Amino acid sequence: MSKSNELTLHPKLFIYPNESTTITIGNSLTSAKRSGGDIYVIKNIADVSHQYFEKNKTLRNISTLELDKKNSWQQPLLAKQSFSVFDRTITIPAYKFAGVDYNSYTDLSYIINGNRHSFVLGGNFIYNKFNKKESSNRDGTTTTGVYADNIHGMLLTR
């Protein structure tokens, strides 16, 4: 049997400063507390025969920013950024895990539409860092990339 309390909020704001520019700002927040296990433990009447429980506390927050700017030929320059924090604590008898994960993603791309093809040129940056609480255990990665794509027979619109 489990007990769960969860709240999610996900607002977005769209800004149109002019006819060729769109800015989108968003945030997604989820907070959750879950407990499960033996019903006697959940009701706080544990005894020698009734010991098992699980507790899971989670907080996830993701912030996003997107810029879509079209030039005079209606070819878009797209910039996207997101940052997330994921904080989780899991508790079971004789064990507790707690950690926070940070992620960032940035992407910049430019789309050129021709008569019978589209060309996409872009780059991205990805960052990840995990911190285990109550420990010096840290893990992180950073990745950077560039890309180009020629799509024949299809025009990309945005």
Protein backbone atom coordinates (compact mmCIF):
# COMPACT_ATOMS: atom_id res chain seq x y z
CA MET A 1 0.00 0.00 0.00
CA SER A 2 1.31 3.49 -0.74
CA LYS A 3 0.50 7.07 0.11
CA SER A 4 1.33 9.84 -2.36
CA ASN A 5 1.15 13.64 -2.32
CA GLU A 6 2.18 15.41 -5.51
CA LEU A 7 1.97 18.94 -6.89
CA THR A 8 2.90 20.01 -10.42
CA LEU A 9 2.92 23.56 -11.80
CA HIS A 10 3.84 24.26 -15.44
CA PRO A 11 3.29 27.89 -16.51
CA LYS A 12 4.54 29.35 -19.82
CA LEU A 13 4.79 32.97 -20.91
CA PHE A 14 4.82 33.90 -24.62
CA ILE A 15 6.24 37.30 -25.54
CA TYR A 16 5.96 38.80 -29.04
CA PRO A 17 8.15 41.96 -29.05
CA ASN A 18 7.70 42.33 -32.83
CA GLU A 19 6.38 40.39 -35.83
CA SER A 20 9.61 38.44 -36.35
CA THR A 21 10.46 37.53 -32.75
CA THR A 22 8.92 35.14 -30.24
CA ILE A 23 10.27 34.61 -26.73
CA THR A 24 8.94 31.74 -24.63
CA ILE A 25 9.72 31.46 -20.91
CA GLY A 26 8.56 28.40 -19.00
CA ASN A 27 8.96 26.60 -15.74
CA SER A 28 7.87 23.18 -14.56
CA LEU A 29 7.91 22.42 -10.85
CA THR A 30 6.99 19.04 -9.36
CA SER A 31 7.11 18.25 -5.67
CA ALA A 32 6.24 14.76 -4.46
CA LYS A 33 6.23 12.79 -1.23
CA ARG A 34 5.53 9.08 -1.40
CA SER A 35 5.54 6.47 1.31
CA GLY A 36 4.82 2.80 1.10
CA GLY A 37 5.43 -0.53 2.69
CA ASP A 38 3.75 -2.39 5.47
CA ILE A 39 0.40 -0.80 6.36
CA TYR A 40 1.24 -0.98 10.08
CA VAL A 41 4.39 1.07 9.53
CA ILE A 42 2.53 3.63 7.39
CA LYS A 43 -0.05 4.04 10.19
CA ASN A 44 2.80 4.46 12.75
CA ILE A 45 2.03 1.21 14.58
CA ALA A 46 5.12 -0.78 13.59
CA ASP A 47 6.20 -3.75 15.67
CA VAL A 48 8.72 -6.58 15.38
CA SER A 49 6.72 -8.29 12.61
CA HIS A 50 5.93 -5.09 10.70
CA GLN A 51 9.11 -3.15 9.83
CA TYR A 52 9.33 -2.50 6.08
CA PHE A 53 8.76 1.00 4.67
CA GLU A 54 9.83 3.18 1.78
CA LYS A 55 9.90 6.96 1.69
CA ASN A 56 10.60 8.92 -1.45
CA LYS A 57 10.83 12.70 -1.49
CA THR A 58 11.34 14.38 -4.87
CA LEU A 59 11.66 17.94 -6.10
CA ARG A 60 12.11 18.63 -9.81
CA ASN A 61 12.36 22.12 -11.28
CA ILE A 62 12.92 22.81 -14.99
CA SER A 63 13.26 26.34 -16.36
CA THR A 64 13.21 27.00 -20.11
CA LEU A 65 13.88 29.93 -22.39
CA GLU A 66 13.41 29.96 -26.16
CA LEU A 67 14.06 32.69 -28.72
CA ASP A 68 12.75 32.40 -32.28
CA LYS A 69 13.96 35.26 -34.50
CA LYS A 70 13.21 35.35 -38.22
CA ASN A 71 15.31 37.49 -40.54
CA SER A 72 13.93 39.46 -43.49
CA TRP A 73 13.88 36.25 -45.59
CA GLN A 74 11.77 34.48 -42.89
CA GLN A 75 14.62 32.13 -42.01
CA PRO A 76 14.67 31.42 -38.27
CA LEU A 77 17.47 31.67 -35.78
CA LEU A 78 16.48 29.50 -32.80
CA ALA A 79 18.06 29.67 -29.35
CA LYS A 80 16.93 27.29 -26.62
CA GLN A 81 18.07 26.99 -23.02
CA SER A 82 16.86 24.74 -20.23
CA PHE A 83 18.12 24.20 -16.71
CA SER A 84 16.85 21.52 -14.36
CA VAL A 85 17.37 20.53 -10.76
CA PHE A 86 16.30 17.09 -9.56
CA ASP A 87 16.54 16.50 -5.80
CA ARG A 88 15.58 13.07 -4.47
CA THR A 89 15.78 11.30 -1.14
CA ILE A 90 14.89 7.60 -0.83
CA THR A 91 14.70 5.95 2.58
CA ILE A 92 14.18 2.26 3.37
CA PRO A 93 15.12 0.35 6.51
CA ALA A 94 18.88 0.58 7.13
CA TYR A 95 19.54 2.63 3.97
CA LYS A 96 19.15 6.21 2.82
CA PHE A 97 20.07 7.71 -0.55
CA ALA A 98 19.97 11.44 -1.22
CA GLY A 99 21.28 13.35 -4.20
CA VAL A 100 20.83 16.37 -6.42
CA ASP A 101 21.26 16.33 -10.20
CA TYR A 102 21.81 19.54 -12.20
CA ASN A 103 21.33 19.58 -15.98
CA SER A 104 21.68 22.35 -18.52
CA TYR A 105 21.01 22.21 -22.26
CA THR A 106 21.69 25.03 -24.72
CA ASP A 107 21.05 24.85 -28.46
CA LEU A 108 21.51 27.47 -31.18
CA SER A 109 20.42 26.75 -34.75
CA TYR A 110 19.84 28.57 -38.00
CA ILE A 111 17.55 27.25 -40.75
CA ILE A 112 18.02 28.21 -44.40
CA ASN A 113 15.22 27.18 -46.75
CA GLY A 114 16.05 26.82 -50.43
CA ASN A 115 13.74 25.98 -53.33
CA ARG A 116 13.66 22.22 -52.71
CA HIS A 117 15.71 21.71 -49.55
CA SER A 118 16.42 23.04 -46.09
CA PHE A 119 19.80 23.45 -44.48
CA VAL A 120 20.16 23.46 -40.68
CA LEU A 121 23.35 24.61 -38.97
CA GLY A 122 23.69 24.61 -35.20
CA GLY A 123 25.53 23.87 -32.04
CA ASN A 124 24.73 22.74 -28.54
CA PHE A 125 26.16 22.56 -25.06
CA ILE A 126 25.09 19.99 -22.45
CA TYR A 127 26.11 20.09 -18.79
CA ASN A 128 25.34 17.55 -16.07
CA LYS A 129 26.46 17.45 -12.44
CA PHE A 130 25.36 14.99 -9.77
CA ASN A 131 26.03 15.52 -6.07
CA LYS A 132 25.36 12.72 -3.63
CA LYS A 133 24.35 14.34 -0.34
CA GLU A 134 26.34 13.54 2.79
CA SER A 135 29.23 12.39 0.63
CA SER A 136 32.07 13.84 -1.38
CA ASN A 137 30.89 11.73 -4.33
CA ARG A 138 30.48 14.09 -7.29
CA ASP A 139 30.02 13.28 -10.94
CA GLY A 140 29.79 15.68 -13.86
CA THR A 141 29.99 15.79 -17.63
CA THR A 142 30.10 18.50 -20.25
CA THR A 143 29.44 17.91 -23.94
CA THR A 144 29.67 20.39 -26.80
CA GLY A 145 28.64 19.68 -30.36
CA VAL A 146 28.00 21.21 -33.75
CA TYR A 147 25.72 19.88 -36.43
CA ALA A 148 24.68 20.49 -40.02
CA ASP A 149 21.84 18.86 -41.90
CA ASN A 150 20.73 19.19 -45.51
CA ILE A 151 17.15 18.00 -45.98
CA HIS A 152 16.28 17.49 -49.64
CA GLY A 153 12.66 17.61 -50.78
CA MET A 154 11.34 19.23 -47.60
CA LEU A 155 11.09 22.76 -46.32
CA LEU A 156 11.28 23.40 -42.61
CA THR A 157 8.93 26.02 -41.25
CA ARG A 158 8.63 27.41 -37.80
